[in-house]
Amino acid sequence: MIDGFRSTFGRTYAAEPDKLIEQLKADKAIGLADTLMLTIPNQLGPEYNLHILESFAKHVAPALGWKPNTEGPVQGDQIG
């Protein structure tokens, strides 16, 4: 349970941004999901963790069609 809702966890993806984009685009469940959990191993240290987050935000998220939430509340896209 996360935030009072039943959550389902699927596959794990770990790769360089270009391969990760390819894998995530091929997973239909990712395209339909309203939440994606990004897990960062804390053993790598804060500098490397920041690098992972920045790389995901700069390369992977835009390639998946995600947009930064800098202009107020997020409006979801219609499914179907």
PDB file of N, CA and C in Angstrom:
ATOM      1  N   MET A   1       0.852  -1.180   0.000  1.00  0.00           N
ATOM      2  CA  MET A   1       0.000   0.000   0.000  1.00  0.00           C
ATOM      3  C   MET A   1       0.896   1.243   0.000  1.00  0.00           C
ATOM      4  N   ILE A   2       0.611   2.136  -0.912  1.00  0.00           N
ATOM      5  CA  ILE A   2       1.303   3.419  -0.966  1.00  0.00           C
ATOM      6  C   ILE A   2       0.241   4.503  -1.005  1.00  0.00           C
ATOM      7  N   ASP A   3       0.314   5.424  -0.056  1.00  0.00           N
ATOM      8  CA  ASP A   3      -0.671   6.505   0.028  1.00  0.00           C
ATOM      9  C   ASP A   3      -2.103   5.973   0.060  1.00  0.00           C
ATOM     10  N   GLY A   4      -2.299   4.837   0.702  1.00  0.00           N
ATOM     11  CA  GLY A   4      -3.631   4.282   0.854  1.00  0.00           C
ATOM     12  C   GLY A   4      -4.156   3.522  -0.349  1.00  0.00           C
ATOM     13  N   PHE A   5      -3.333   3.366  -1.389  1.00  0.00           N
ATOM     14  CA  PHE A   5      -3.757   2.648  -2.584  1.00  0.00           C
ATOM     15  C   PHE A   5      -2.900   1.406  -2.769  1.00  0.00           C
ATOM     16  N   ARG A   6      -3.526   0.351  -3.282  1.00  0.00           N
ATOM     17  CA  ARG A   6      -2.783  -0.863  -3.579  1.00  0.00           C
ATOM     18  C   ARG A   6      -1.860  -0.578  -4.758  1.00  0.00           C
ATOM     19  N   SER A   7      -0.606  -0.932  -4.617  1.00  0.00           N
ATOM     20  CA  SER A   7       0.378  -0.685  -5.659  1.00  0.00           C
ATOM     21  C   SER A   7       0.909  -2.004  -6.186  1.00  0.00           C
ATOM     22  N   THR A   8       1.178  -2.032  -7.461  1.00  0.00           N
ATOM     23  CA  THR A   8       1.724  -3.219  -8.092  1.00  0.00           C
ATOM     24  C   THR A   8       3.104  -2.890  -8.626  1.00  0.00           C
ATOM     25  N   PHE A   9       4.037  -3.764  -8.351  1.00  0.00           N
ATOM     26  CA  PHE A   9       5.397  -3.550  -8.821  1.00  0.00           C
ATOM     27  C   PHE A   9       5.702  -4.548  -9.922  1.00  0.00           C
ATOM     28  N   GLY A  10       6.297  -4.091 -10.976  1.00  0.00           N
ATOM     29  CA  GLY A  10       6.588  -4.944 -12.121  1.00  0.00           C
ATOM     30  C   GLY A  10       8.078  -5.121 -12.304  1.00  0.00           C
ATOM     31  N   ARG A  11       8.495  -5.018 -13.528  1.00  0.00           N
ATOM     32  CA  ARG A  11       9.886  -5.243 -13.888  1.00  0.00           C
ATOM     33  C   ARG A  11      10.796  -4.164 -13.331  1.00  0.00           C
ATOM     34  N   THR A  12      12.073  -4.498 -13.308  1.00  0.00           N
ATOM     35  CA  THR A  12      13.102  -3.551 -12.913  1.00  0.00           C
ATOM     36  C   THR A  12      13.931  -3.222 -14.141  1.00  0.00           C
ATOM     37  N   TYR A  13      14.195  -1.954 -14.349  1.00  0.00           N
ATOM     38  CA  TYR A  13      15.005  -1.509 -15.478  1.00  0.00           C
ATOM     39  C   TYR A  13      16.212  -0.760 -14.947  1.00  0.00           C
ATOM     40  N   ALA A  14      17.379  -1.080 -15.475  1.00  0.00           N
ATOM     41  CA  ALA A  14      18.609  -0.369 -15.123  1.00  0.00           C
ATOM     42  C   ALA A  14      19.514  -0.403 -16.344  1.00  0.00           C
ATOM     43  N   ALA A  15      19.788   0.761 -16.915  1.00  0.00           N
ATOM     44  CA  ALA A  15      20.601   0.827 -18.127  1.00  0.00           C
ATOM     45  C   ALA A  15      21.005   2.268 -18.393  1.00  0.00           C
ATOM     46  N   GLU A  16      21.835   2.444 -19.411  1.00  0.00           N
ATOM     47  CA  GLU A  16      22.180   3.778 -19.872  1.00  0.00           C
ATOM     48  C   GLU A  16      20.909   4.423 -20.433  1.00  0.00           C
ATOM     49  N   PRO A  17      20.837   5.765 -20.462  1.00  0.00           N
ATOM     50  CA  PRO A  17      19.602   6.432 -20.872  1.00  0.00           C
ATOM     51  C   PRO A  17      19.001   5.948 -22.194  1.00  0.00           C
ATOM     52  N   ASP A  18      19.813   5.770 -23.243  1.00  0.00           N
ATOM     53  CA  ASP A  18      19.240   5.371 -24.530  1.00  0.00           C
ATOM     54  C   ASP A  18      18.606   3.990 -24.481  1.00  0.00           C
ATOM     55  N   LYS A  19      19.237   3.048 -23.804  1.00  0.00           N
ATOM     56  CA  LYS A  19      18.687   1.705 -23.656  1.00  0.00           C
ATOM     57  C   LYS A  19      17.461   1.729 -22.736  1.00  0.00           C
ATOM     58  N   LEU A  20      17.527   2.521 -21.678  1.00  0.00           N
ATOM     59  CA  LEU A  20      16.423   2.642 -20.735  1.00  0.00           C
ATOM     60  C   LEU A  20      15.180   3.208 -21.428  1.00  0.00           C
ATOM     61  N   ILE A  21      15.366   4.205 -22.257  1.00  0.00           N
ATOM     62  CA  ILE A  21      14.243   4.790 -23.012  1.00  0.00           C
ATOM     63  C   ILE A  21      13.597   3.726 -23.882  1.00  0.00           C
ATOM     64  N   GLU A  22      14.415   2.974 -24.584  1.00  0.00           N
ATOM     65  CA  GLU A  22      13.913   1.902 -25.456  1.00  0.00           C
ATOM     66  C   GLU A  22      13.103   0.875 -24.659  1.00  0.00           C
ATOM     67  N   GLN A  23      13.640   0.459 -23.508  1.00  0.00           N
ATOM     68  CA  GLN A  23      12.967  -0.544 -22.674  1.00  0.00           C
ATOM     69  C   GLN A  23      11.647  -0.010 -22.120  1.00  0.00           C
ATOM     70  N   LEU A  24      11.650   1.209 -21.624  1.00  0.00           N
ATOM     71  CA  LEU A  24      10.441   1.772 -21.027  1.00  0.00           C
ATOM     72  C   LEU A  24       9.364   2.019 -22.074  1.00  0.00           C
ATOM     73  N   LYS A  25       9.752   2.463 -23.263  1.00  0.00           N
ATOM     74  CA  LYS A  25       8.777   2.676 -24.335  1.00  0.00           C
ATOM     75  C   LYS A  25       8.138   1.366 -24.774  1.00  0.00           C
ATOM     76  N   ALA A  26       8.878   0.263 -24.683  1.00  0.00           N
ATOM     77  CA  ALA A  26       8.368  -1.040 -25.107  1.00  0.00           C
ATOM     78  C   ALA A  26       7.445  -1.674 -24.068  1.00  0.00           C
ATOM     79  N   ASP A  27       7.432  -1.160 -22.849  1.00  0.00           N
ATOM     80  CA  ASP A  27       6.611  -1.723 -21.774  1.00  0.00           C
ATOM     81  C   ASP A  27       5.269  -1.002 -21.738  1.00  0.00           C
ATOM     82  N   LYS A  28       4.230  -1.668 -22.198  1.00  0.00           N
ATOM     83  CA  LYS A  28       2.893  -1.065 -22.280  1.00  0.00           C
ATOM     84  C   LYS A  28       2.403  -0.584 -20.906  1.00  0.00           C
ATOM     85  N   ALA A  29       2.743  -1.326 -19.863  1.00  0.00           N
ATOM     86  CA  ALA A  29       2.303  -0.948 -18.519  1.00  0.00           C
ATOM     87  C   ALA A  29       2.870   0.407 -18.097  1.00  0.00           C
ATOM     88  N   ILE A  30       4.081   0.698 -18.504  1.00  0.00           N
ATOM     89  CA  ILE A  30       4.681   2.003 -18.181  1.00  0.00           C
ATOM     90  C   ILE A  30       3.876   3.121 -18.831  1.00  0.00           C
ATOM     91  N   GLY A  31       3.462   2.905 -20.069  1.00  0.00           N
ATOM     92  CA  GLY A  31       2.673   3.903 -20.781  1.00  0.00           C
ATOM     93  C   GLY A  31       1.318   4.149 -20.158  1.00  0.00           C
ATOM     94  N   LEU A  32       0.773   3.156 -19.478  1.00  0.00           N
ATOM     95  CA  LEU A  32      -0.543   3.283 -18.866  1.00  0.00           C
ATOM     96  C   LEU A  32      -0.488   3.691 -17.391  1.00  0.00           C
ATOM     97  N   ALA A  33       0.688   3.630 -16.814  1.00  0.00           N
ATOM     98  CA  ALA A  33       0.826   3.902 -15.378  1.00  0.00           C
ATOM     99  C   ALA A  33       0.667   5.383 -15.076  1.00  0.00           C
ATOM    100  N   ASP A  34       0.126   5.685 -13.894  1.00  0.00           N
ATOM    101  CA  ASP A  34       0.052   7.076 -13.460  1.00  0.00           C
ATOM    102  C   ASP A  34       1.190   7.416 -12.507  1.00  0.00           C
ATOM    103  N   THR A  35       1.979   6.411 -12.131  1.00  0.00           N
ATOM    104  CA  THR A  35       3.090   6.617 -11.209  1.00  0.00           C
ATOM    105  C   THR A  35       4.239   5.696 -11.600  1.00  0.00           C
ATOM    106  N   LEU A  36       5.433   6.221 -11.554  1.00  0.00           N
ATOM    107  CA  LEU A  36       6.627   5.423 -11.780  1.00  0.00           C
ATOM    108  C   LEU A  36       7.541   5.653 -10.593  1.00  0.00           C
ATOM    109  N   MET A  37       7.979   4.579  -9.964  1.00  0.00           N
ATOM    110  CA  MET A  37       8.858   4.710  -8.809  1.00  0.00           C
ATOM    111  C   MET A  37      10.301   4.560  -9.274  1.00  0.00           C
ATOM    112  N   LEU A  38      11.090   5.571  -9.029  1.00  0.00           N
ATOM    113  CA  LEU A  38      12.503   5.553  -9.368  1.00  0.00           C
ATOM    114  C   LEU A  38      13.272   5.308  -8.084  1.00  0.00           C
ATOM    115  N   THR A  39      13.996   4.195  -8.041  1.00  0.00           N
ATOM    116  CA  THR A  39      14.748   3.833  -6.844  1.00  0.00           C
ATOM    117  C   THR A  39      16.229   4.052  -7.103  1.00  0.00           C
ATOM    118  N   ILE A  40      16.867   4.751  -6.203  1.00  0.00           N
ATOM    119  CA  ILE A  40      18.284   5.057  -6.327  1.00  0.00           C
ATOM    120  C   ILE A  40      19.016   4.423  -5.143  1.00  0.00           C
ATOM    121  N   PRO A  41      20.001   3.570  -5.402  1.00  0.00           N
ATOM    122  CA  PRO A  41      20.734   2.942  -4.297  1.00  0.00           C
ATOM    123  C   PRO A  41      21.572   3.979  -3.549  1.00  0.00           C
ATOM    124  N   ASN A  42      21.388   4.069  -2.252  1.00  0.00           N
ATOM    125  CA  ASN A  42      22.075   5.112  -1.485  1.00  0.00           C
ATOM    126  C   ASN A  42      23.554   4.818  -1.251  1.00  0.00           C
ATOM    127  N   GLN A  43      24.013   3.626  -1.597  1.00  0.00           N
ATOM    128  CA  GLN A  43      25.421   3.284  -1.373  1.00  0.00           C
ATOM    129  C   GLN A  43      26.366   4.051  -2.297  1.00  0.00           C
ATOM    130  N   LEU A  44      25.835   4.638  -3.347  1.00  0.00           N
ATOM    131  CA  LEU A  44      26.675   5.307  -4.336  1.00  0.00           C
ATOM    132  C   LEU A  44      27.044   6.729  -3.939  1.00  0.00           C
ATOM    133  N   GLY A  45      26.396   7.266  -2.941  1.00  0.00           N
ATOM    134  CA  GLY A  45      26.708   8.612  -2.470  1.00  0.00           C
ATOM    135  C   GLY A  45      25.839   9.674  -3.110  1.00  0.00           C
ATOM    136  N   PRO A  46      25.722  10.823  -2.455  1.00  0.00           N
ATOM    137  CA  PRO A  46      24.807  11.868  -2.910  1.00  0.00           C
ATOM    138  C   PRO A  46      25.164  12.455  -4.277  1.00  0.00           C
ATOM    139  N   GLU A  47      26.443  12.592  -4.605  1.00  0.00           N
ATOM    140  CA  GLU A  47      26.815  13.174  -5.897  1.00  0.00           C
ATOM    141  C   GLU A  47      26.369  12.269  -7.047  1.00  0.00           C
ATOM    142  N   TYR A  48      26.602  10.970  -6.908  1.00  0.00           N
ATOM    143  CA  TYR A  48      26.205  10.061  -7.974  1.00  0.00           C
ATOM    144  C   TYR A  48      24.681   9.938  -8.050  1.00  0.00           C
ATOM    145  N   ASN A  49      24.031   9.958  -6.896  1.00  0.00           N
ATOM    146  CA  ASN A  49      22.564   9.913  -6.884  1.00  0.00           C
ATOM    147  C   ASN A  49      21.985  11.123  -7.616  1.00  0.00           C
ATOM    148  N   LEU A  50      22.550  12.282  -7.402  1.00  0.00           N
ATOM    149  CA  LEU A  50      22.106  13.485  -8.097  1.00  0.00           C
ATOM    150  C   LEU A  50      22.335  13.335  -9.602  1.00  0.00           C
ATOM    151  N   HIS A  51      23.457  12.749  -9.978  1.00  0.00           N
ATOM    152  CA  HIS A  51      23.745  12.501 -11.391  1.00  0.00           C
ATOM    153  C   HIS A  51      22.670  11.596 -12.009  1.00  0.00           C
ATOM    154  N   ILE A  52      22.264  10.551 -11.309  1.00  0.00           N
ATOM    155  CA  ILE A  52      21.229   9.638 -11.807  1.00  0.00           C
ATOM    156  C   ILE A  52      19.913  10.396 -11.997  1.00  0.00           C
ATOM    157  N   LEU A  53      19.505  11.152 -10.989  1.00  0.00           N
ATOM    158  CA  LEU A  53      18.251  11.908 -11.079  1.00  0.00           C
ATOM    159  C   LEU A  53      18.281  12.938 -12.211  1.00  0.00           C
ATOM    160  N   GLU A  54      19.384  13.661 -12.317  1.00  0.00           N
ATOM    161  CA  GLU A  54      19.497  14.669 -13.378  1.00  0.00           C
ATOM    162  C   GLU A  54      19.482  14.012 -14.753  1.00  0.00           C
ATOM    163  N   SER A  55      20.165  12.890 -14.905  1.00  0.00           N
ATOM    164  CA  SER A  55      20.187  12.189 -16.192  1.00  0.00           C
ATOM    165  C   SER A  55      18.799  11.694 -16.565  1.00  0.00           C
ATOM    166  N   PHE A  56      18.075  11.178 -15.584  1.00  0.00           N
ATOM    167  CA  PHE A  56      16.715  10.707 -15.855  1.00  0.00           C
ATOM    168  C   PHE A  56      15.836  11.877 -16.285  1.00  0.00           C
ATOM    169  N   ALA A  57      15.918  12.977 -15.554  1.00  0.00           N
ATOM    170  CA  ALA A  57      15.086  14.144 -15.857  1.00  0.00           C
ATOM    171  C   ALA A  57      15.454  14.789 -17.194  1.00  0.00           C
ATOM    172  N   LYS A  58      16.720  14.781 -17.538  1.00  0.00           N
ATOM    173  CA  LYS A  58      17.182  15.449 -18.755  1.00  0.00           C
ATOM    174  C   LYS A  58      17.006  14.589 -20.003  1.00  0.00           C
ATOM    175  N   HIS A  59      17.222  13.279 -19.892  1.00  0.00           N
ATOM    176  CA  HIS A  59      17.239  12.426 -21.073  1.00  0.00           C
ATOM    177  C   HIS A  59      16.044  11.482 -21.178  1.00  0.00           C
ATOM    178  N   VAL A  60      15.745  10.778 -20.109  1.00  0.00           N
ATOM    179  CA  VAL A  60      14.731   9.718 -20.171  1.00  0.00           C
ATOM    180  C   VAL A  60      13.317  10.298 -20.129  1.00  0.00           C
ATOM    181  N   ALA A  61      13.017  11.110 -19.143  1.00  0.00           N
ATOM    182  CA  ALA A  61      11.655  11.627 -18.973  1.00  0.00           C
ATOM    183  C   ALA A  61      11.147  12.347 -20.228  1.00  0.00           C
ATOM    184  N   PRO A  62      11.902  13.267 -20.826  1.00  0.00           N
ATOM    185  CA  PRO A  62      11.400  13.934 -22.032  1.00  0.00           C
ATOM    186  C   PRO A  62      11.170  12.965 -23.196  1.00  0.00           C
ATOM    187  N   ALA A  63      12.017  11.945 -23.314  1.00  0.00           N
ATOM    188  CA  ALA A  63      11.859  10.962 -24.392  1.00  0.00           C
ATOM    189  C   ALA A  63      10.587  10.136 -24.217  1.00  0.00           C
ATOM    190  N   LEU A  64      10.088  10.073 -22.983  1.00  0.00           N
ATOM    191  CA  LEU A  64       8.836   9.361 -22.706  1.00  0.00           C
ATOM    192  C   LEU A  64       7.632  10.293 -22.827  1.00  0.00           C
ATOM    193  N   GLY A  65       7.881  11.562 -23.138  1.00  0.00           N
ATOM    194  CA  GLY A  65       6.794  12.525 -23.285  1.00  0.00           C
ATOM    195  C   GLY A  65       6.422  13.223 -21.996  1.00  0.00           C
ATOM    196  N   TRP A  66       7.226  13.032 -20.971  1.00  0.00           N
ATOM    197  CA  TRP A  66       6.941  13.688 -19.702  1.00  0.00           C
ATOM    198  C   TRP A  66       7.414  15.127 -19.759  1.00  0.00           C
ATOM    199  N   LYS A  67       6.690  15.976 -19.055  1.00  0.00           N
ATOM    200  CA  LYS A  67       7.030  17.392 -19.015  1.00  0.00           C
ATOM    201  C   LYS A  67       7.238  17.809 -17.563  1.00  0.00           C
ATOM    202  N   PRO A  68       8.155  18.734 -17.316  1.00  0.00           N
ATOM    203  CA  PRO A  68       8.360  19.200 -15.942  1.00  0.00           C
ATOM    204  C   PRO A  68       7.122  19.900 -15.412  1.00  0.00           C
ATOM    205  N   ASN A  69       6.873  19.769 -14.152  1.00  0.00           N
ATOM    206  CA  ASN A  69       5.737  20.423 -13.510  1.00  0.00           C
ATOM    207  C   ASN A  69       6.191  21.781 -12.979  1.00  0.00           C
ATOM    208  N   THR A  70       6.414  22.699 -13.908  1.00  0.00           N
ATOM    209  CA  THR A  70       6.871  24.035 -13.519  1.00  0.00           C
ATOM    210  C   THR A  70       5.795  25.090 -13.715  1.00  0.00           C
ATOM    211  N   GLU A  71       4.639  24.663 -14.241  1.00  0.00           N
ATOM    212  CA  GLU A  71       3.594  25.632 -14.549  1.00  0.00           C
ATOM    213  C   GLU A  71       2.292  25.341 -13.805  1.00  0.00           C
ATOM    214  N   GLY A  72       2.391  24.791 -12.618  1.00  0.00           N
ATOM    215  CA  GLY A  72       1.179  24.521 -11.843  1.00  0.00           C
ATOM    216  C   GLY A  72       0.782  23.053 -11.866  1.00  0.00           C
ATOM    217  N   PRO A  73      -0.443  22.780 -11.471  1.00  0.00           N
ATOM    218  CA  PRO A  73      -0.900  21.389 -11.364  1.00  0.00           C
ATOM    219  C   PRO A  73      -0.812  20.635 -12.701  1.00  0.00           C
ATOM    220  N   VAL A  74      -0.470  19.373 -12.598  1.00  0.00           N
ATOM    221  CA  VAL A  74      -0.356  18.520 -13.773  1.00  0.00           C
ATOM    222  C   VAL A  74      -1.737  18.156 -14.298  1.00  0.00           C
ATOM    223  N   GLN A  75      -1.925  18.253 -15.598  1.00  0.00           N
ATOM    224  CA  GLN A  75      -3.149  17.832 -16.251  1.00  0.00           C
ATOM    225  C   GLN A  75      -2.855  16.535 -16.985  1.00  0.00           C
ATOM    226  N   GLY A  76      -3.547  15.466 -16.640  1.00  0.00           N
ATOM    227  CA  GLY A  76      -3.295  14.178 -17.280  1.00  0.00           C
ATOM    228  C   GLY A  76      -3.789  14.141 -18.711  1.00  0.00           C
ATOM    229  N   ASP A  77      -3.217  13.243 -19.482  1.00  0.00           N
ATOM    230  CA  ASP A  77      -3.635  13.027 -20.868  1.00  0.00           C
ATOM    231  C   ASP A  77      -4.775  12.022 -20.897  1.00  0.00           C
ATOM    232  N   GLN A  78      -5.648  12.144 -21.880  1.00  0.00           N
ATOM    233  CA  GLN A  78      -6.738  11.202 -22.064  1.00  0.00           C
ATOM    234  C   GLN A  78      -6.180   9.863 -22.524  1.00  0.00           C
ATOM    235  N   ILE A  79      -6.714   8.794 -21.989  1.00  0.00           N
ATOM    236  CA  ILE A  79      -6.317   7.445 -22.384  1.00  0.00           C
ATOM    237  C   ILE A  79      -7.350   6.939 -23.362  1.00  0.00           C
ATOM    238  N   GLY A  80      -6.854   6.338 -24.442  1.00  0.00           N
ATOM    239  CA  GLY A  80      -7.780   5.706 -25.366  1.00  0.00           C
ATOM    240  C   GLY A  80      -7.938   6.363 -26.610  1.00  0.00           C
TER     241      GLY A  80
END
